[in-house]
Amino acid sequence: RNKDFANAYGVLLADGPLAGVTARVIFVVGKDGKIAYKQTVPEITEEPNYEEALAAAKAAC
């Protein structure tokens, strides 16, 4: 697949057995179109903190 998004936002894994895979990341974009929140999960097998991301999304509205 096209990796333009992952490269543009710095979320493409570069090393290890998962090189070339997009990291597990949550972005919240504010009303102004800018990234208001970014959460990168340190281990791809772990779940992100959804409550924190949801709170950030509500605050960005």
PDB file of N, CA and C in Angstrom:
ATOM      1  N   ARG A   1       0.832  -1.196   0.000  1.00  0.00           N
ATOM      2  CA  ARG A   1       0.000   0.000   0.000  1.00  0.00           C
ATOM      3  C   ARG A   1       0.866   1.246   0.000  1.00  0.00           C
ATOM      4  N   ASN A   2       0.231   2.367  -0.248  1.00  0.00           N
ATOM      5  CA  ASN A   2       0.913   3.655  -0.286  1.00  0.00           C
ATOM      6  C   ASN A   2       1.294   4.074   1.131  1.00  0.00           C
ATOM      7  N   LYS A   3       2.542   4.443   1.326  1.00  0.00           N
ATOM      8  CA  LYS A   3       3.031   4.808   2.660  1.00  0.00           C
ATOM      9  C   LYS A   3       3.232   6.311   2.808  1.00  0.00           C
ATOM     10  N   ASP A   4       2.639   7.105   1.920  1.00  0.00           N
ATOM     11  CA  ASP A   4       2.813   8.557   1.976  1.00  0.00           C
ATOM     12  C   ASP A   4       2.364   9.142   3.309  1.00  0.00           C
ATOM     13  N   PHE A   5       1.190   8.721   3.791  1.00  0.00           N
ATOM     14  CA  PHE A   5       0.681   9.239   5.063  1.00  0.00           C
ATOM     15  C   PHE A   5       1.645   8.918   6.195  1.00  0.00           C
ATOM     16  N   ALA A   6       2.037   7.657   6.293  1.00  0.00           N
ATOM     17  CA  ALA A   6       2.929   7.224   7.371  1.00  0.00           C
ATOM     18  C   ALA A   6       4.254   7.964   7.324  1.00  0.00           C
ATOM     19  N   ASN A   7       4.784   8.174   6.142  1.00  0.00           N
ATOM     20  CA  ASN A   7       6.036   8.927   6.009  1.00  0.00           C
ATOM     21  C   ASN A   7       5.844  10.391   6.374  1.00  0.00           C
ATOM     22  N   ALA A   8       4.762  10.992   5.916  1.00  0.00           N
ATOM     23  CA  ALA A   8       4.515  12.415   6.165  1.00  0.00           C
ATOM     24  C   ALA A   8       4.343  12.720   7.649  1.00  0.00           C
ATOM     25  N   TYR A   9       3.750  11.790   8.389  1.00  0.00           N
ATOM     26  CA  TYR A   9       3.483  12.026   9.805  1.00  0.00           C
ATOM     27  C   TYR A   9       4.451  11.288  10.726  1.00  0.00           C
ATOM     28  N   GLY A  10       5.479  10.693  10.150  1.00  0.00           N
ATOM     29  CA  GLY A  10       6.525  10.064  10.954  1.00  0.00           C
ATOM     30  C   GLY A  10       6.078   8.857  11.742  1.00  0.00           C
ATOM     31  N   VAL A  11       5.165   8.072  11.196  1.00  0.00           N
ATOM     32  CA  VAL A  11       4.653   6.923  11.934  1.00  0.00           C
ATOM     33  C   VAL A  11       4.945   5.589  11.245  1.00  0.00           C
ATOM     34  N   LEU A  12       5.861   5.603  10.292  1.00  0.00           N
ATOM     35  CA  LEU A  12       6.260   4.370   9.618  1.00  0.00           C
ATOM     36  C   LEU A  12       7.398   3.733  10.401  1.00  0.00           C
ATOM     37  N   LEU A  13       7.219   2.489  10.808  1.00  0.00           N
ATOM     38  CA  LEU A  13       8.269   1.794  11.540  1.00  0.00           C
ATOM     39  C   LEU A  13       9.435   1.539  10.597  1.00  0.00           C
ATOM     40  N   ALA A  14      10.632   1.916  11.044  1.00  0.00           N
ATOM     41  CA  ALA A  14      11.807   1.852  10.176  1.00  0.00           C
ATOM     42  C   ALA A  14      12.680   0.632  10.429  1.00  0.00           C
ATOM     43  N   ASP A  15      12.606   0.078  11.635  1.00  0.00           N
ATOM     44  CA  ASP A  15      13.520  -0.999  12.012  1.00  0.00           C
ATOM     45  C   ASP A  15      12.759  -2.226  12.493  1.00  0.00           C
ATOM     46  N   GLY A  16      13.481  -3.314  12.576  1.00  0.00           N
ATOM     47  CA  GLY A  16      12.948  -4.530  13.171  1.00  0.00           C
ATOM     48  C   GLY A  16      12.074  -5.334  12.232  1.00  0.00           C
ATOM     49  N   PRO A  17      11.452  -6.365  12.790  1.00  0.00           N
ATOM     50  CA  PRO A  17      10.646  -7.264  11.961  1.00  0.00           C
ATOM     51  C   PRO A  17       9.395  -6.603  11.380  1.00  0.00           C
ATOM     52  N   LEU A  18       8.972  -5.495  11.951  1.00  0.00           N
ATOM     53  CA  LEU A  18       7.784  -4.796  11.450  1.00  0.00           C
ATOM     54  C   LEU A  18       8.138  -3.571  10.615  1.00  0.00           C
ATOM     55  N   ALA A  19       9.363  -3.492  10.157  1.00  0.00           N
ATOM     56  CA  ALA A  19       9.786  -2.361   9.318  1.00  0.00           C
ATOM     57  C   ALA A  19       8.844  -2.239   8.124  1.00  0.00           C
ATOM     58  N   GLY A  20       8.407  -1.012   7.869  1.00  0.00           N
ATOM     59  CA  GLY A  20       7.497  -0.758   6.760  1.00  0.00           C
ATOM     60  C   GLY A  20       6.034  -0.762   7.150  1.00  0.00           C
ATOM     61  N   VAL A  21       5.741  -1.125   8.400  1.00  0.00           N
ATOM     62  CA  VAL A  21       4.372  -1.133   8.907  1.00  0.00           C
ATOM     63  C   VAL A  21       4.114   0.197   9.610  1.00  0.00           C
ATOM     64  N   THR A  22       2.892   0.678   9.532  1.00  0.00           N
ATOM     65  CA  THR A  22       2.530   1.911  10.224  1.00  0.00           C
ATOM     66  C   THR A  22       2.363   1.627  11.714  1.00  0.00           C
ATOM     67  N   ALA A  23       2.934   2.492  12.546  1.00  0.00           N
ATOM     68  CA  ALA A  23       2.808   2.360  13.996  1.00  0.00           C
ATOM     69  C   ALA A  23       1.352   2.539  14.405  1.00  0.00           C
ATOM     70  N   ARG A  24       1.021   2.068  15.584  1.00  0.00           N
ATOM     71  CA  ARG A  24      -0.327   2.253  16.126  1.00  0.00           C
ATOM     72  C   ARG A  24      -0.374   3.645  16.743  1.00  0.00           C
ATOM     73  N   VAL A  25      -1.100   4.534  16.096  1.00  0.00           N
ATOM     74  CA  VAL A  25      -1.129   5.948  16.479  1.00  0.00           C
ATOM     75  C   VAL A  25      -2.558   6.461  16.424  1.00  0.00           C
ATOM     76  N   ILE A  26      -2.890   7.353  17.341  1.00  0.00           N
ATOM     77  CA  ILE A  26      -4.164   8.069  17.296  1.00  0.00           C
ATOM     78  C   ILE A  26      -3.849   9.542  17.113  1.00  0.00           C
ATOM     79  N   PHE A  27      -4.491  10.144  16.130  1.00  0.00           N
ATOM     80  CA  PHE A  27      -4.401  11.583  15.915  1.00  0.00           C
ATOM     81  C   PHE A  27      -5.765  12.193  16.182  1.00  0.00           C
ATOM     82  N   VAL A  28      -5.775  13.363  16.809  1.00  0.00           N
ATOM     83  CA  VAL A  28      -6.987  14.172  16.919  1.00  0.00           C
ATOM     84  C   VAL A  28      -6.680  15.475  16.210  1.00  0.00           C
ATOM     85  N   VAL A  29      -7.521  15.814  15.258  1.00  0.00           N
ATOM     86  CA  VAL A  29      -7.345  17.042  14.493  1.00  0.00           C
ATOM     87  C   VAL A  29      -8.341  18.071  15.008  1.00  0.00           C
ATOM     88  N   GLY A  30      -7.832  19.246  15.353  1.00  0.00           N
ATOM     89  CA  GLY A  30      -8.676  20.310  15.874  1.00  0.00           C
ATOM     90  C   GLY A  30      -9.476  20.999  14.783  1.00  0.00           C
ATOM     91  N   LYS A  31     -10.349  21.893  15.191  1.00  0.00           N
ATOM     92  CA  LYS A  31     -11.183  22.647  14.249  1.00  0.00           C
ATOM     93  C   LYS A  31     -10.349  23.443  13.261  1.00  0.00           C
ATOM     94  N   ASP A  32      -9.156  23.819  13.681  1.00  0.00           N
ATOM     95  CA  ASP A  32      -8.274  24.605  12.814  1.00  0.00           C
ATOM     96  C   ASP A  32      -7.518  23.744  11.803  1.00  0.00           C
ATOM     97  N   GLY A  33      -7.753  22.433  11.838  1.00  0.00           N
ATOM     98  CA  GLY A  33      -7.102  21.529  10.901  1.00  0.00           C
ATOM     99  C   GLY A  33      -5.713  21.086  11.328  1.00  0.00           C
ATOM    100  N   LYS A  34      -5.292  21.504  12.513  1.00  0.00           N
ATOM    101  CA  LYS A  34      -3.972  21.124  13.023  1.00  0.00           C
ATOM    102  C   LYS A  34      -4.105  19.961  14.001  1.00  0.00           C
ATOM    103  N   ILE A  35      -3.027  19.202  14.123  1.00  0.00           N
ATOM    104  CA  ILE A  35      -3.036  18.081  15.055  1.00  0.00           C
ATOM    105  C   ILE A  35      -3.080  18.630  16.478  1.00  0.00           C
ATOM    106  N   ALA A  36      -4.142  18.284  17.196  1.00  0.00           N
ATOM    107  CA  ALA A  36      -4.323  18.743  18.566  1.00  0.00           C
ATOM    108  C   ALA A  36      -3.806  17.715  19.574  1.00  0.00           C
ATOM    109  N   TYR A  37      -3.680  16.481  19.137  1.00  0.00           N
ATOM    110  CA  TYR A  37      -3.281  15.400  20.039  1.00  0.00           C
ATOM    111  C   TYR A  37      -2.715  14.262  19.205  1.00  0.00           C
ATOM    112  N   LYS A  38      -1.671  13.647  19.710  1.00  0.00           N
ATOM    113  CA  LYS A  38      -1.092  12.472  19.051  1.00  0.00           C
ATOM    114  C   LYS A  38      -0.656  11.497  20.129  1.00  0.00           C
ATOM    115  N   GLN A  39      -1.087  10.272  20.001  1.00  0.00           N
ATOM    116  CA  GLN A  39      -0.686   9.222  20.933  1.00  0.00           C
ATOM    117  C   GLN A  39      -0.078   8.086  20.112  1.00  0.00           C
ATOM    118  N   THR A  40       1.171   7.794  20.374  1.00  0.00           N
ATOM    119  CA  THR A  40       1.844   6.677  19.722  1.00  0.00           C
ATOM    120  C   THR A  40       2.010   5.567  20.745  1.00  0.00           C
ATOM    121  N   VAL A  41       1.483   4.409  20.436  1.00  0.00           N
ATOM    122  CA  VAL A  41       1.587   3.272  21.344  1.00  0.00           C
ATOM    123  C   VAL A  41       3.004   2.703  21.222  1.00  0.00           C
ATOM    124  N   PRO A  42       3.716   2.575  22.341  1.00  0.00           N
ATOM    125  CA  PRO A  42       5.111   2.138  22.277  1.00  0.00           C
ATOM    126  C   PRO A  42       5.292   0.712  21.759  1.00  0.00           C
ATOM    127  N   GLU A  43       4.328  -0.135  21.989  1.00  0.00           N
ATOM    128  CA  GLU A  43       4.401  -1.529  21.530  1.00  0.00           C
ATOM    129  C   GLU A  43       3.165  -1.798  20.675  1.00  0.00           C
ATOM    130  N   ILE A  44       3.363  -2.163  19.428  1.00  0.00           N
ATOM    131  CA  ILE A  44       2.258  -2.293  18.474  1.00  0.00           C
ATOM    132  C   ILE A  44       1.200  -3.304  18.914  1.00  0.00           C
ATOM    133  N   THR A  45       1.563  -4.236  19.783  1.00  0.00           N
ATOM    134  CA  THR A  45       0.594  -5.226  20.255  1.00  0.00           C
ATOM    135  C   THR A  45      -0.269  -4.706  21.397  1.00  0.00           C
ATOM    136  N   GLU A  46       0.058  -3.537  21.940  1.00  0.00           N
ATOM    137  CA  GLU A  46      -0.711  -2.943  23.038  1.00  0.00           C
ATOM    138  C   GLU A  46      -1.810  -2.046  22.494  1.00  0.00           C
ATOM    139  N   GLU A  47      -2.846  -1.860  23.284  1.00  0.00           N
ATOM    140  CA  GLU A  47      -3.939  -0.962  22.928  1.00  0.00           C
ATOM    141  C   GLU A  47      -3.579   0.459  23.347  1.00  0.00           C
ATOM    142  N   PRO A  48      -4.028   1.450  22.592  1.00  0.00           N
ATOM    143  CA  PRO A  48      -3.822   2.833  23.021  1.00  0.00           C
ATOM    144  C   PRO A  48      -4.747   3.165  24.187  1.00  0.00           C
ATOM    145  N   ASN A  49      -4.513   4.298  24.800  1.00  0.00           N
ATOM    146  CA  ASN A  49      -5.372   4.776  25.875  1.00  0.00           C
ATOM    147  C   ASN A  49      -6.554   5.496  25.221  1.00  0.00           C
ATOM    148  N   TYR A  50      -7.624   4.744  24.993  1.00  0.00           N
ATOM    149  CA  TYR A  50      -8.778   5.294  24.286  1.00  0.00           C
ATOM    150  C   TYR A  50      -9.463   6.411  25.070  1.00  0.00           C
ATOM    151  N   GLU A  51      -9.503   6.290  26.382  1.00  0.00           N
ATOM    152  CA  GLU A  51     -10.145   7.321  27.204  1.00  0.00           C
ATOM    153  C   GLU A  51      -9.414   8.652  27.065  1.00  0.00           C
ATOM    154  N   GLU A  52      -8.099   8.609  27.071  1.00  0.00           N
ATOM    155  CA  GLU A  52      -7.301   9.824  26.917  1.00  0.00           C
ATOM    156  C   GLU A  52      -7.526  10.438  25.530  1.00  0.00           C
ATOM    157  N   ALA A  53      -7.561   9.602  24.523  1.00  0.00           N
ATOM    158  CA  ALA A  53      -7.781  10.085  23.159  1.00  0.00           C
ATOM    159  C   ALA A  53      -9.176  10.683  23.011  1.00  0.00           C
ATOM    160  N   LEU A  54     -10.175  10.046  23.605  1.00  0.00           N
ATOM    161  CA  LEU A  54     -11.540  10.561  23.545  1.00  0.00           C
ATOM    162  C   LEU A  54     -11.647  11.904  24.259  1.00  0.00           C
ATOM    163  N   ALA A  55     -10.986  12.039  25.397  1.00  0.00           N
ATOM    164  CA  ALA A  55     -10.981  13.314  26.116  1.00  0.00           C
ATOM    165  C   ALA A  55     -10.335  14.403  25.265  1.00  0.00           C
ATOM    166  N   ALA A  56      -9.263  14.063  24.577  1.00  0.00           N
ATOM    167  CA  ALA A  56      -8.602  15.029  23.694  1.00  0.00           C
ATOM    168  C   ALA A  56      -9.508  15.416  22.537  1.00  0.00           C
ATOM    169  N   ALA A  57     -10.242  14.442  22.008  1.00  0.00           N
ATOM    170  CA  ALA A  57     -11.167  14.722  20.905  1.00  0.00           C
ATOM    171  C   ALA A  57     -12.290  15.644  21.365  1.00  0.00           C
ATOM    172  N   LYS A  58     -12.816  15.397  22.545  1.00  0.00           N
ATOM    173  CA  LYS A  58     -13.886  16.255  23.076  1.00  0.00           C
ATOM    174  C   LYS A  58     -13.375  17.666  23.316  1.00  0.00           C
ATOM    175  N   ALA A  59     -12.153  17.788  23.801  1.00  0.00           N
ATOM    176  CA  ALA A  59     -11.570  19.106  24.068  1.00  0.00           C
ATOM    177  C   ALA A  59     -11.278  19.865  22.779  1.00  0.00           C
ATOM    178  N   ALA A  60     -11.019  19.143  21.703  1.00  0.00           N
ATOM    179  CA  ALA A  60     -10.678  19.779  20.428  1.00  0.00           C
ATOM    180  C   ALA A  60     -11.907  20.272  19.673  1.00  0.00           C
ATOM    181  N   CYS A  61     -13.094  19.848  20.101  1.00  0.00           N
ATOM    182  CA  CYS A  61     -14.335  20.232  19.396  1.00  0.00           C
ATOM    183  C   CYS A  61     -14.761  21.647  19.691  1.00  0.00           C
TER     184      CYS A  61
END
